[in-house]
């Protein structure tokens, strides 16, 4: 009985899986086929842009995780270590305070320079695709002249698609980068205000880090 029940169910599951795979890969309008056609139209430079985009958004998500879960605890620990100090008036204490603020600033900045580099590199990779695509167009023109529009269209596509993809990836990273940098500046200033120290006259001061 179990075999009678299992056999039609297994065959039906296999039919659903094969239909799903055909819709995903085999059909002309499937999503994977559309991605493949897009990569063929843009050339190998699109793979570099895609890799840069994956790295960019991996770093963006890492910074989001840091500011969401790690930064509050880090700032509390820094303030607790400063408040636990008995001496807040000496020159050495002020140097320690500056080191604490600088260390927190570096940890909050983290991978932001690399994110900024990837944002600037993506449009440059798009321009590289433009150059290689135009070289392909000129090669076709040298061989067959200007009469074969279909052969020239492939080179034109390779010249324009990477530029569009590089600009899209670069622009998509600008908003989170600006928000992260603004948060680093605000958090650094707030931390400097919280790490108050006593001047030689005995008054409490909260000078901001230079």
N, C-alpha and C. Protein backbone atom coordinates (compact mmCIF):
# COMPACT_ATOMS: atom_id res chain seq x y z
N UNK A 1 0.82 -1.20 0.00
CA UNK A 1 0.00 0.00 0.00
C UNK A 1 0.85 1.26 0.00
N UNK A 2 1.93 1.22 0.81
CA UNK A 2 2.80 2.39 0.86
C UNK A 2 3.45 2.63 -0.50
N UNK A 3 3.80 1.53 -1.20
CA UNK A 3 4.40 1.71 -2.52
C UNK A 3 3.40 2.26 -3.52
N UNK A 4 2.13 1.81 -3.43
CA UNK A 4 1.10 2.33 -4.32
C UNK A 4 0.89 3.83 -4.09
N UNK A 5 0.96 4.24 -2.82
CA UNK A 5 0.77 5.67 -2.52
C UNK A 5 2.01 6.48 -2.89
N UNK A 6 3.20 5.91 -2.69
CA UNK A 6 4.44 6.66 -2.89
C UNK A 6 4.71 6.87 -4.37
N UNK A 7 4.40 5.88 -5.20
CA UNK A 7 4.77 5.98 -6.62
C UNK A 7 4.09 7.14 -7.33
N UNK A 8 2.77 7.32 -7.25
CA UNK A 8 2.17 8.48 -7.93
C UNK A 8 2.61 9.81 -7.35
N UNK A 9 2.83 9.86 -6.02
CA UNK A 9 3.27 11.12 -5.41
C UNK A 9 4.66 11.49 -5.91
N UNK A 10 5.56 10.51 -5.95
CA UNK A 10 6.92 10.77 -6.41
C UNK A 10 6.93 11.20 -7.87
N UNK A 11 6.12 10.54 -8.69
CA UNK A 11 6.09 10.92 -10.10
C UNK A 11 5.52 12.32 -10.29
N UNK A 12 4.52 12.67 -9.47
CA UNK A 12 3.97 14.02 -9.58
C UNK A 12 4.97 15.08 -9.13
N UNK A 13 5.72 14.80 -8.04
CA UNK A 13 6.76 15.73 -7.59
C UNK A 13 7.82 15.88 -8.67
N UNK A 14 8.21 14.77 -9.31
CA UNK A 14 9.21 14.85 -10.38
C UNK A 14 8.69 15.68 -11.55
N UNK A 15 7.40 15.55 -11.88
CA UNK A 15 6.82 16.34 -12.96
C UNK A 15 6.83 17.82 -12.60
N UNK A 16 6.51 18.16 -11.34
CA UNK A 16 6.52 19.57 -10.91
C UNK A 16 7.92 20.14 -10.96
N UNK A 17 8.91 19.34 -10.49
CA UNK A 17 10.29 19.81 -10.51
C UNK A 17 10.78 20.04 -11.92
N UNK A 18 10.49 19.13 -12.82
CA UNK A 18 10.93 19.29 -14.21
C UNK A 18 10.25 20.48 -14.87
N UNK A 19 8.97 20.69 -14.57
CA UNK A 19 8.28 21.85 -15.14
C UNK A 19 8.87 23.15 -14.60
N UNK A 20 9.21 23.14 -13.29
CA UNK A 20 9.81 24.34 -12.71
C UNK A 20 11.17 24.63 -13.34
N UNK A 21 11.98 23.60 -13.54
CA UNK A 21 13.29 23.80 -14.15
C UNK A 21 13.16 24.27 -15.60
N UNK A 22 12.19 23.73 -16.33
CA UNK A 22 11.98 24.20 -17.70
C UNK A 22 11.57 25.66 -17.71
N UNK A 23 10.71 26.05 -16.77
CA UNK A 23 10.29 27.45 -16.72
C UNK A 23 11.44 28.36 -16.30
N UNK A 24 12.34 27.82 -15.48
CA UNK A 24 13.43 28.65 -14.97
C UNK A 24 14.58 28.76 -15.95
N UNK A 25 14.89 27.66 -16.65
CA UNK A 25 16.08 27.64 -17.49
C UNK A 25 15.72 27.46 -18.96
N UNK A 26 14.88 26.50 -19.25
CA UNK A 26 14.69 26.12 -20.64
C UNK A 26 13.87 27.09 -21.45
N UNK A 27 12.90 27.71 -20.83
CA UNK A 27 12.05 28.62 -21.59
C UNK A 27 12.83 29.85 -22.01
N UNK A 28 12.46 30.41 -23.13
CA UNK A 28 13.15 31.60 -23.63
C UNK A 28 12.93 32.80 -22.72
N UNK A 29 11.77 32.85 -22.08
CA UNK A 29 11.51 33.98 -21.21
C UNK A 29 11.80 33.72 -19.75
N UNK A 30 12.50 32.62 -19.43
CA UNK A 30 12.82 32.31 -18.05
C UNK A 30 13.78 33.33 -17.46
N UNK A 31 13.76 33.49 -16.12
CA UNK A 31 14.62 34.50 -15.50
C UNK A 31 16.10 34.21 -15.68
N UNK A 32 16.51 32.93 -15.55
CA UNK A 32 17.92 32.61 -15.75
C UNK A 32 18.35 32.83 -17.19
N UNK A 33 17.46 32.55 -18.13
CA UNK A 33 17.79 32.79 -19.52
C UNK A 33 17.91 34.28 -19.79
N UNK A 34 17.06 35.09 -19.13
CA UNK A 34 17.17 36.54 -19.31
C UNK A 34 18.49 37.06 -18.74
N UNK A 35 18.91 36.50 -17.59
CA UNK A 35 20.20 36.91 -17.03
C UNK A 35 21.33 36.50 -17.96
N UNK A 36 21.23 35.30 -18.53
CA UNK A 36 22.28 34.84 -19.45
C UNK A 36 22.34 35.73 -20.69
N UNK A 37 21.19 36.08 -21.23
CA UNK A 37 21.18 36.97 -22.39
C UNK A 37 21.75 38.34 -22.06
N UNK A 38 21.45 38.82 -20.85
CA UNK A 38 22.00 40.12 -20.43
C UNK A 38 23.52 40.07 -20.32
N UNK A 39 24.05 38.98 -19.76
CA UNK A 39 25.50 38.84 -19.66
C UNK A 39 26.14 38.70 -21.02
N UNK A 40 25.48 37.98 -21.94
CA UNK A 40 26.02 37.86 -23.29
C UNK A 40 26.03 39.20 -24.00
N UNK A 41 25.00 40.00 -23.75
CA UNK A 41 24.94 41.31 -24.40
C UNK A 41 26.00 42.26 -23.86
N UNK A 42 26.32 42.16 -22.59
CA UNK A 42 27.27 43.08 -21.99
C UNK A 42 28.71 42.64 -22.05
N UNK A 43 28.96 41.37 -22.29
CA UNK A 43 30.33 40.90 -22.37
C UNK A 43 30.91 40.54 -21.01
N UNK A 44 32.17 40.14 -20.99
CA UNK A 44 32.80 39.68 -19.74
C UNK A 44 32.97 40.77 -18.69
N UNK A 45 32.94 42.03 -19.09
CA UNK A 45 33.09 43.11 -18.11
C UNK A 45 31.92 43.11 -17.13
N UNK A 46 30.77 42.64 -17.56
CA UNK A 46 29.61 42.58 -16.67
C UNK A 46 29.86 41.66 -15.48
N UNK A 47 30.66 40.61 -15.69
CA UNK A 47 30.97 39.73 -14.57
C UNK A 47 31.78 40.47 -13.51
N UNK A 48 32.73 41.30 -13.95
CA UNK A 48 33.49 42.10 -12.99
C UNK A 48 32.59 43.09 -12.25
N UNK A 49 31.67 43.73 -12.99
CA UNK A 49 30.75 44.67 -12.35
C UNK A 49 29.84 43.94 -11.37
N UNK A 50 29.36 42.75 -11.76
CA UNK A 50 28.54 41.97 -10.84
C UNK A 50 29.29 41.56 -9.59
N UNK A 51 30.56 41.16 -9.75
CA UNK A 51 31.37 40.81 -8.58
C UNK A 51 31.58 42.03 -7.68
N UNK A 52 31.86 43.19 -8.30
CA UNK A 52 32.02 44.41 -7.51
C UNK A 52 30.72 44.78 -6.79
N UNK A 53 29.58 44.57 -7.46
CA UNK A 53 28.29 44.86 -6.82
C UNK A 53 28.02 43.95 -5.63
N UNK A 54 28.36 42.66 -5.77
CA UNK A 54 28.17 41.73 -4.65
C UNK A 54 29.05 42.13 -3.48
N UNK A 55 30.32 42.46 -3.76
CA UNK A 55 31.22 42.90 -2.69
C UNK A 55 30.72 44.18 -2.04
N UNK A 56 30.24 45.12 -2.87
CA UNK A 56 29.76 46.40 -2.35
C UNK A 56 28.61 46.20 -1.37
N UNK A 57 27.60 45.43 -1.77
CA UNK A 57 26.43 45.29 -0.91
C UNK A 57 26.68 44.34 0.25
N UNK A 58 27.67 43.45 0.13
CA UNK A 58 28.07 42.68 1.30
C UNK A 58 28.66 43.59 2.36
N UNK A 59 29.52 44.54 1.94
CA UNK A 59 30.11 45.48 2.88
C UNK A 59 29.06 46.44 3.43
N UNK A 60 28.09 46.84 2.60
CA UNK A 60 27.02 47.71 3.08
C UNK A 60 26.20 47.01 4.17
N UNK A 61 25.86 45.75 3.94
CA UNK A 61 25.10 45.00 4.96
C UNK A 61 25.94 44.79 6.22
N UNK A 62 27.25 44.61 6.06
CA UNK A 62 28.11 44.47 7.24
C UNK A 62 28.11 45.74 8.08
N UNK A 63 28.19 46.91 7.39
CA UNK A 63 28.15 48.17 8.13
C UNK A 63 26.80 48.40 8.77
N UNK A 64 25.72 48.03 8.08
CA UNK A 64 24.38 48.16 8.68
C UNK A 64 24.29 47.32 9.95
N UNK A 65 24.80 46.09 9.90
CA UNK A 65 24.79 45.23 11.08
C UNK A 65 25.61 45.86 12.20
N UNK A 66 26.75 46.44 11.84
CA UNK A 66 27.60 47.05 12.86
C UNK A 66 26.87 48.20 13.54
N UNK A 67 26.30 49.13 12.76
CA UNK A 67 25.63 50.28 13.36
C UNK A 67 24.36 49.89 14.10
N UNK A 68 23.75 48.79 13.69
CA UNK A 68 22.50 48.39 14.33
C UNK A 68 22.73 47.65 15.64
N UNK A 69 23.75 46.80 15.70
CA UNK A 69 23.90 45.93 16.85
C UNK A 69 25.22 46.10 17.61
N UNK A 70 26.30 46.45 16.92
CA UNK A 70 27.62 46.49 17.56
C UNK A 70 27.95 47.88 18.09
N UNK A 71 27.64 48.93 17.32
CA UNK A 71 28.05 50.28 17.71
C UNK A 71 27.49 50.72 19.07
N UNK A 72 26.20 50.53 19.38
CA UNK A 72 25.72 50.99 20.69
C UNK A 72 26.49 50.38 21.86
N UNK A 73 26.77 49.08 21.77
CA UNK A 73 27.53 48.44 22.86
C UNK A 73 28.96 48.97 22.91
N UNK A 74 29.56 49.22 21.75
CA UNK A 74 30.93 49.75 21.73
C UNK A 74 31.00 51.13 22.36
N UNK A 75 30.03 52.00 22.06
CA UNK A 75 30.03 53.34 22.65
C UNK A 75 29.81 53.29 24.15
N UNK A 76 28.92 52.41 24.60
CA UNK A 76 28.69 52.27 26.05
C UNK A 76 29.96 51.79 26.76
N UNK A 77 30.65 50.83 26.17
CA UNK A 77 31.88 50.33 26.78
C UNK A 77 32.95 51.42 26.82
N UNK A 78 33.05 52.23 25.77
CA UNK A 78 34.04 53.31 25.76
C UNK A 78 33.74 54.33 26.84
N UNK A 79 32.47 54.72 26.95
CA UNK A 79 32.10 55.68 27.99
C UNK A 79 32.33 55.09 29.39
N UNK A 80 32.04 53.81 29.56
CA UNK A 80 32.24 53.19 30.88
C UNK A 80 33.73 53.15 31.24
N UNK A 81 34.59 52.85 30.28
CA UNK A 81 36.02 52.82 30.57
C UNK A 81 36.54 54.21 30.93
N UNK A 82 36.00 55.26 30.28
CA UNK A 82 36.44 56.61 30.62
C UNK A 82 35.93 57.03 31.99
N UNK A 83 34.68 56.72 32.28
CA UNK A 83 34.14 57.11 33.58
C UNK A 83 34.79 56.35 34.72
N UNK A 84 35.33 55.18 34.42
CA UNK A 84 35.99 54.40 35.47
C UNK A 84 37.37 54.94 35.83
N UNK A 85 37.88 55.84 35.03
CA UNK A 85 39.19 56.42 35.32
C UNK A 85 39.08 57.39 36.49
N UNK A 86 40.04 57.30 37.40
CA UNK A 86 40.04 58.23 38.53
C UNK A 86 40.62 59.59 38.14
N UNK A 87 41.58 59.59 37.24
CA UNK A 87 42.25 60.82 36.84
C UNK A 87 41.71 61.27 35.49
N UNK A 88 41.03 62.41 35.47
CA UNK A 88 40.53 62.98 34.23
C UNK A 88 41.05 64.40 34.00
N UNK A 89 42.08 64.79 34.76
CA UNK A 89 42.54 66.17 34.68
C UNK A 89 43.92 66.31 34.05
N UNK A 90 44.70 65.27 34.06
CA UNK A 90 46.09 65.39 33.63
C UNK A 90 46.21 65.41 32.11
N UNK A 91 47.40 65.78 31.68
CA UNK A 91 47.70 65.77 30.24
C UNK A 91 47.60 64.36 29.68
N UNK A 92 48.06 63.36 30.44
CA UNK A 92 47.98 61.97 30.00
C UNK A 92 46.52 61.52 29.84
N UNK A 93 45.65 61.97 30.75
CA UNK A 93 44.23 61.61 30.65
C UNK A 93 43.61 62.18 29.39
N UNK A 94 43.98 63.39 29.03
CA UNK A 94 43.46 63.98 27.79
C UNK A 94 43.95 63.22 26.58
N UNK A 95 45.21 62.72 26.63
CA UNK A 95 45.72 61.93 25.51
C UNK A 95 44.98 60.59 25.41
N UNK A 96 44.69 59.98 26.57
CA UNK A 96 43.93 58.74 26.57
C UNK A 96 42.54 58.97 26.00
N UNK A 97 41.94 60.08 26.38
CA UNK A 97 40.61 60.41 25.84
C UNK A 97 40.66 60.55 24.33
N UNK A 98 41.68 61.23 23.81
CA UNK A 98 41.81 61.37 22.36
C UNK A 98 41.99 60.03 21.66
N UNK A 99 42.75 59.13 22.29
CA UNK A 99 42.94 57.80 21.71
C UNK A 99 41.63 57.03 21.69
N UNK A 100 40.85 57.14 22.77
CA UNK A 100 39.55 56.45 22.80
C UNK A 100 38.63 56.93 21.68
N UNK A 101 38.58 58.25 21.50
CA UNK A 101 37.71 58.80 20.46
C UNK A 101 38.19 58.39 19.08
N UNK A 102 39.51 58.45 18.87
CA UNK A 102 40.06 58.06 17.57
C UNK A 102 39.83 56.59 17.28
N UNK A 103 39.99 55.74 18.29
CA UNK A 103 39.76 54.31 18.10
C UNK A 103 38.30 54.03 17.76
N UNK A 104 37.37 54.70 18.46
CA UNK A 104 35.95 54.51 18.15
C UNK A 104 35.63 55.00 16.74
N UNK A 105 36.24 56.11 16.35
CA UNK A 105 36.01 56.64 15.01
C UNK A 105 36.51 55.67 13.94
N UNK A 106 37.67 55.08 14.16
CA UNK A 106 38.21 54.12 13.19
C UNK A 106 37.34 52.88 13.11
N UNK A 107 36.86 52.40 14.24
CA UNK A 107 36.00 51.22 14.22
C UNK A 107 34.68 51.50 13.54
N UNK A 108 34.13 52.70 13.73
CA UNK A 108 32.87 53.04 13.07
C UNK A 108 33.08 53.24 11.56
N UNK A 109 34.22 53.79 11.18
CA UNK A 109 34.50 53.97 9.74
C UNK A 109 34.68 52.62 9.07
N UNK A 110 35.45 51.73 9.70
CA UNK A 110 35.55 50.35 9.24
C UNK A 110 35.84 50.22 7.76
N UNK A 111 34.89 49.63 7.04
CA UNK A 111 35.05 49.35 5.61
C UNK A 111 34.51 50.47 4.71
N UNK A 112 34.20 51.63 5.28
CA UNK A 112 33.68 52.71 4.45
C UNK A 112 34.65 53.15 3.34
N UNK A 113 35.97 53.21 3.59
CA UNK A 113 36.87 53.55 2.46
C UNK A 113 36.80 52.53 1.33
N UNK A 114 36.67 51.24 1.65
CA UNK A 114 36.55 50.23 0.61
C UNK A 114 35.22 50.36 -0.14
N UNK A 115 34.15 50.66 0.59
CA UNK A 115 32.86 50.90 -0.08
C UNK A 115 32.96 52.08 -1.03
N UNK A 116 33.62 53.15 -0.59
CA UNK A 116 33.80 54.33 -1.44
C UNK A 116 34.62 53.98 -2.68
N UNK A 117 35.63 53.13 -2.53
CA UNK A 117 36.45 52.72 -3.67
C UNK A 117 35.64 51.90 -4.67
N UNK A 118 34.82 50.98 -4.17
CA UNK A 118 33.99 50.17 -5.07
C UNK A 118 32.97 51.02 -5.81
N UNK A 119 32.40 52.01 -5.13
CA UNK A 119 31.43 52.90 -5.78
C UNK A 119 32.10 53.65 -6.92
N UNK A 120 33.34 54.11 -6.70
CA UNK A 120 34.06 54.82 -7.75
C UNK A 120 34.54 53.88 -8.86
N UNK A 121 34.80 52.61 -8.52
CA UNK A 121 35.34 51.69 -9.50
C UNK A 121 34.28 51.16 -10.46
N UNK A 122 33.04 51.04 -10.01
CA UNK A 122 32.00 50.46 -10.87
C UNK A 122 31.77 51.26 -12.15
N UNK A 123 31.62 52.59 -12.12
CA UNK A 123 31.50 53.32 -13.39
C UNK A 123 32.75 53.20 -14.26
N UNK A 124 33.93 53.09 -13.62
CA UNK A 124 35.15 52.91 -14.41
C UNK A 124 35.16 51.57 -15.13
N UNK A 125 34.67 50.53 -14.45
CA UNK A 125 34.53 49.24 -15.12
C UNK A 125 33.52 49.32 -16.26
N UNK A 126 32.46 50.11 -16.06
CA UNK A 126 31.52 50.31 -17.16
C UNK A 126 32.15 50.98 -18.36
N UNK A 127 33.01 51.95 -18.11
CA UNK A 127 33.74 52.59 -19.21
C UNK A 127 34.69 51.62 -19.89
N UNK A 128 35.28 50.71 -19.11
CA UNK A 128 36.11 49.67 -19.71
C UNK A 128 35.29 48.81 -20.68
N UNK A 129 34.07 48.47 -20.26
CA UNK A 129 33.19 47.73 -21.17
C UNK A 129 32.85 48.54 -22.42
N UNK A 130 32.69 49.86 -22.26
CA UNK A 130 32.43 50.71 -23.41
C UNK A 130 33.59 50.66 -24.40
N UNK A 131 34.80 50.72 -23.88
CA UNK A 131 35.98 50.70 -24.75
C UNK A 131 36.09 49.37 -25.49
N UNK A 132 35.92 48.26 -24.75
CA UNK A 132 36.02 46.96 -25.41
C UNK A 132 34.90 46.75 -26.43
N UNK A 133 33.71 47.26 -26.13
CA UNK A 133 32.61 47.15 -27.09
C UNK A 133 32.87 47.96 -28.35
N UNK A 134 33.41 49.16 -28.21
CA UNK A 134 33.72 49.96 -29.39
C UNK A 134 34.84 49.33 -30.22
N UNK A 135 35.79 48.69 -29.54
CA UNK A 135 36.83 47.98 -30.29
C UNK A 135 36.22 46.86 -31.12
N UNK A 136 35.23 46.15 -30.54
CA UNK A 136 34.54 45.11 -31.30
C UNK A 136 33.79 45.69 -32.50
N UNK A 137 33.17 46.86 -32.31
CA UNK A 137 32.47 47.51 -33.42
C UNK A 137 33.45 47.87 -34.52
N UNK A 138 34.61 48.41 -34.17
CA UNK A 138 35.59 48.79 -35.18
C UNK A 138 36.16 47.57 -35.89
N UNK A 139 36.31 46.46 -35.17
CA UNK A 139 36.77 45.24 -35.82
C UNK A 139 35.77 44.76 -36.86
N UNK A 140 34.47 44.83 -36.53
CA UNK A 140 33.44 44.43 -37.49
C UNK A 140 33.45 45.37 -38.70
N UNK A 141 33.58 46.66 -38.46
CA UNK A 141 33.62 47.61 -39.57
C UNK A 141 34.83 47.40 -40.45
N UNK A 142 35.96 46.99 -39.85
CA UNK A 142 37.15 46.75 -40.66
C UNK A 142 36.99 45.51 -41.53
N UNK A 143 36.20 44.52 -41.07
CA UNK A 143 36.06 43.28 -41.82
C UNK A 143 34.96 43.36 -42.88
N UNK A 144 33.79 43.86 -42.48
CA UNK A 144 32.63 43.81 -43.39
C UNK A 144 32.12 45.19 -43.75
N UNK A 145 32.75 46.25 -43.23
CA UNK A 145 32.24 47.59 -43.51
C UNK A 145 31.04 47.91 -42.63
N UNK A 146 30.25 48.84 -43.09
CA UNK A 146 29.07 49.27 -42.33
C UNK A 146 27.78 48.63 -42.82
N UNK A 147 27.89 47.61 -43.66
CA UNK A 147 26.68 47.01 -44.22
C UNK A 147 26.04 45.98 -43.32
N UNK A 148 26.79 45.39 -42.37
CA UNK A 148 26.24 44.35 -41.50
C UNK A 148 25.83 44.98 -40.17
N UNK A 149 24.58 45.45 -40.11
CA UNK A 149 24.11 46.13 -38.90
C UNK A 149 23.97 45.16 -37.74
N UNK A 150 23.63 43.89 -38.01
CA UNK A 150 23.45 42.94 -36.92
C UNK A 150 24.78 42.65 -36.22
N UNK A 151 25.84 42.53 -37.00
CA UNK A 151 27.15 42.28 -36.39
C UNK A 151 27.62 43.49 -35.59
N UNK A 152 27.30 44.69 -36.07
CA UNK A 152 27.69 45.89 -35.34
C UNK A 152 26.86 46.07 -34.07
N UNK A 153 25.62 45.58 -34.09
CA UNK A 153 24.74 45.76 -32.94
C UNK A 153 25.28 45.06 -31.70
N UNK A 154 25.93 43.89 -31.90
CA UNK A 154 26.49 43.18 -30.75
C UNK A 154 27.58 44.01 -30.09
N UNK A 155 28.43 44.67 -30.88
CA UNK A 155 29.48 45.51 -30.31
C UNK A 155 28.91 46.74 -29.64
N UNK A 156 27.88 47.32 -30.24
CA UNK A 156 27.25 48.49 -29.62
C UNK A 156 26.61 48.11 -28.28
N UNK A 157 26.00 46.93 -28.24
CA UNK A 157 25.41 46.47 -26.98
C UNK A 157 26.48 46.28 -25.92
N UNK A 158 27.61 45.72 -26.30
CA UNK A 158 28.70 45.54 -25.34
C UNK A 158 29.32 46.87 -24.93
N UNK A 159 29.09 47.92 -25.71
CA UNK A 159 29.63 49.23 -25.36
C UNK A 159 28.71 50.01 -24.44
N UNK A 160 27.42 49.72 -24.45
CA UNK A 160 26.46 50.51 -23.67
C UNK A 160 25.97 49.81 -22.40
N UNK A 161 25.76 48.49 -22.48
CA UNK A 161 25.21 47.77 -21.32
C UNK A 161 26.14 47.82 -20.11
N UNK A 162 27.46 47.60 -20.26
CA UNK A 162 28.32 47.69 -19.06
C UNK A 162 28.32 49.08 -18.43
N UNK A 163 28.26 50.13 -19.26
CA UNK A 163 28.22 51.48 -18.70
C UNK A 163 26.97 51.68 -17.85
N UNK A 164 25.83 51.24 -18.36
CA UNK A 164 24.59 51.34 -17.60
C UNK A 164 24.67 50.54 -16.30
N UNK A 165 25.18 49.31 -16.38
CA UNK A 165 25.26 48.47 -15.19
C UNK A 165 26.22 49.06 -14.15
N UNK A 166 27.37 49.58 -14.61
CA UNK A 166 28.31 50.18 -13.67
C UNK A 166 27.75 51.40 -12.97
N UNK A 167 27.01 52.23 -13.71
CA UNK A 167 26.42 53.42 -13.10
C UNK A 167 25.33 53.04 -12.10
N UNK A 168 24.54 52.03 -12.45
CA UNK A 168 23.46 51.61 -11.54
C UNK A 168 24.04 51.09 -10.23
N UNK A 169 25.07 50.24 -10.32
CA UNK A 169 25.68 49.68 -9.10
C UNK A 169 26.32 50.78 -8.28
N UNK A 170 27.03 51.71 -8.95
CA UNK A 170 27.67 52.79 -8.21
C UNK A 170 26.68 53.71 -7.53
N UNK A 171 25.62 54.10 -8.25
CA UNK A 171 24.62 55.00 -7.67
C UNK A 171 23.89 54.34 -6.51
N UNK A 172 23.66 53.02 -6.63
CA UNK A 172 22.93 52.33 -5.55
C UNK A 172 23.69 52.34 -4.23
N UNK A 173 25.02 52.48 -4.29
CA UNK A 173 25.78 52.49 -3.06
C UNK A 173 25.99 53.86 -2.45
N UNK A 174 25.61 54.93 -3.18
CA UNK A 174 25.85 56.28 -2.67
C UNK A 174 25.00 56.61 -1.45
N UNK A 175 23.73 56.24 -1.48
CA UNK A 175 22.84 56.58 -0.37
C UNK A 175 23.28 55.93 0.95
N UNK A 176 23.51 54.61 0.98
CA UNK A 176 23.98 54.05 2.26
C UNK A 176 25.34 54.60 2.69
N UNK A 177 26.23 54.88 1.73
CA UNK A 177 27.53 55.45 2.10
C UNK A 177 27.37 56.80 2.78
N UNK A 178 26.53 57.66 2.20
CA UNK A 178 26.33 58.99 2.80
C UNK A 178 25.70 58.89 4.19
N UNK A 179 24.76 57.97 4.34
CA UNK A 179 24.12 57.80 5.66
C UNK A 179 25.12 57.27 6.69
N UNK A 180 25.96 56.34 6.28
CA UNK A 180 26.96 55.80 7.21
C UNK A 180 27.96 56.88 7.62
N UNK A 181 28.43 57.66 6.65
CA UNK A 181 29.41 58.71 6.98
C UNK A 181 28.80 59.76 7.90
N UNK A 182 27.53 60.13 7.65
CA UNK A 182 26.87 61.10 8.55
C UNK A 182 26.72 60.52 9.95
N UNK A 183 26.45 59.22 10.04
CA UNK A 183 26.30 58.62 11.36
C UNK A 183 27.64 58.54 12.08
N UNK A 184 28.72 58.29 11.34
CA UNK A 184 30.04 58.26 11.97
C UNK A 184 30.39 59.63 12.54
N UNK A 185 30.13 60.70 11.77
CA UNK A 185 30.43 62.05 12.26
C UNK A 185 29.60 62.38 13.50
N UNK A 186 28.30 62.10 13.44
CA UNK A 186 27.44 62.43 14.57
C UNK A 186 27.80 61.62 15.81
N UNK A 187 28.10 60.34 15.63
CA UNK A 187 28.44 59.50 16.78
C UNK A 187 29.78 59.91 17.39
N UNK A 188 30.73 60.31 16.55
CA UNK A 188 32.03 60.75 17.06
C UNK A 188 31.87 62.02 17.89
N UNK A 189 31.10 62.97 17.39
CA UNK A 189 30.88 64.21 18.15
C UNK A 189 30.12 63.94 19.45
N UNK A 190 29.15 63.05 19.40
CA UNK A 190 28.40 62.73 20.62
C UNK A 190 29.29 62.04 21.65
N UNK A 191 30.16 61.15 21.18
CA UNK A 191 31.08 60.48 22.09
C UNK A 191 32.05 61.47 22.72
N UNK A 192 32.54 62.42 21.91
CA UNK A 192 33.45 63.43 22.46
C UNK A 192 32.76 64.27 23.52
N UNK A 193 31.48 64.56 23.32
CA UNK A 193 30.75 65.32 24.33
C UNK A 193 30.55 64.52 25.62
N UNK A 194 30.35 63.20 25.49
CA UNK A 194 30.11 62.39 26.67
C UNK A 194 31.39 62.12 27.46
N UNK A 195 32.52 62.09 26.78
CA UNK A 195 33.78 61.86 27.48
C UNK A 195 34.31 63.19 28.01
N UNK A 196 33.65 63.74 28.99
CA UNK A 196 34.06 65.02 29.56
C UNK A 196 35.26 64.81 30.47
N UNK A 197 36.07 65.85 30.57
CA UNK A 197 37.23 65.79 31.44
C UNK A 197 37.28 67.07 32.28
N UNK A 198 38.03 67.02 33.35
CA UNK A 198 38.17 68.15 34.25
C UNK A 198 39.43 68.93 33.91
N UNK A 199 39.25 70.22 33.71
CA UNK A 199 40.41 71.06 33.42
C UNK A 199 41.21 71.31 34.69
N UNK A 200 42.33 71.98 34.54
CA UNK A 200 43.20 72.24 35.69
C UNK A 200 42.51 73.11 36.74
N UNK A 201 41.51 73.91 36.33
CA UNK A 201 40.80 74.76 37.27
C UNK A 201 39.68 74.02 37.98
N UNK A 202 39.43 72.77 37.57
CA UNK A 202 38.40 71.99 38.24
C UNK A 202 37.08 71.98 37.52
N UNK A 203 36.89 72.76 36.47
CA UNK A 203 35.63 72.78 35.72
C UNK A 203 35.61 71.60 34.76
N UNK A 204 34.41 71.07 34.54
CA UNK A 204 34.26 69.94 33.64
C UNK A 204 34.09 70.47 32.22
N UNK A 205 34.85 69.84 31.30
CA UNK A 205 34.89 70.28 29.91
C UNK A 205 34.61 69.10 29.01
N UNK A 206 33.93 69.34 27.91
CA UNK A 206 33.66 68.30 26.91
C UNK A 206 34.07 68.82 25.55
N UNK A 207 35.34 69.02 25.38
CA UNK A 207 35.84 69.51 24.10
C UNK A 207 35.72 68.43 23.04
N UNK A 208 35.38 68.82 21.86
CA UNK A 208 35.24 67.86 20.77
C UNK A 208 36.61 67.53 20.20
N UNK A 209 36.68 66.31 19.66
CA UNK A 209 37.93 65.86 19.07
C UNK A 209 38.23 66.65 17.82
N UNK A 210 39.47 66.99 17.64
CA UNK A 210 39.85 67.74 16.43
C UNK A 210 39.92 66.82 15.25
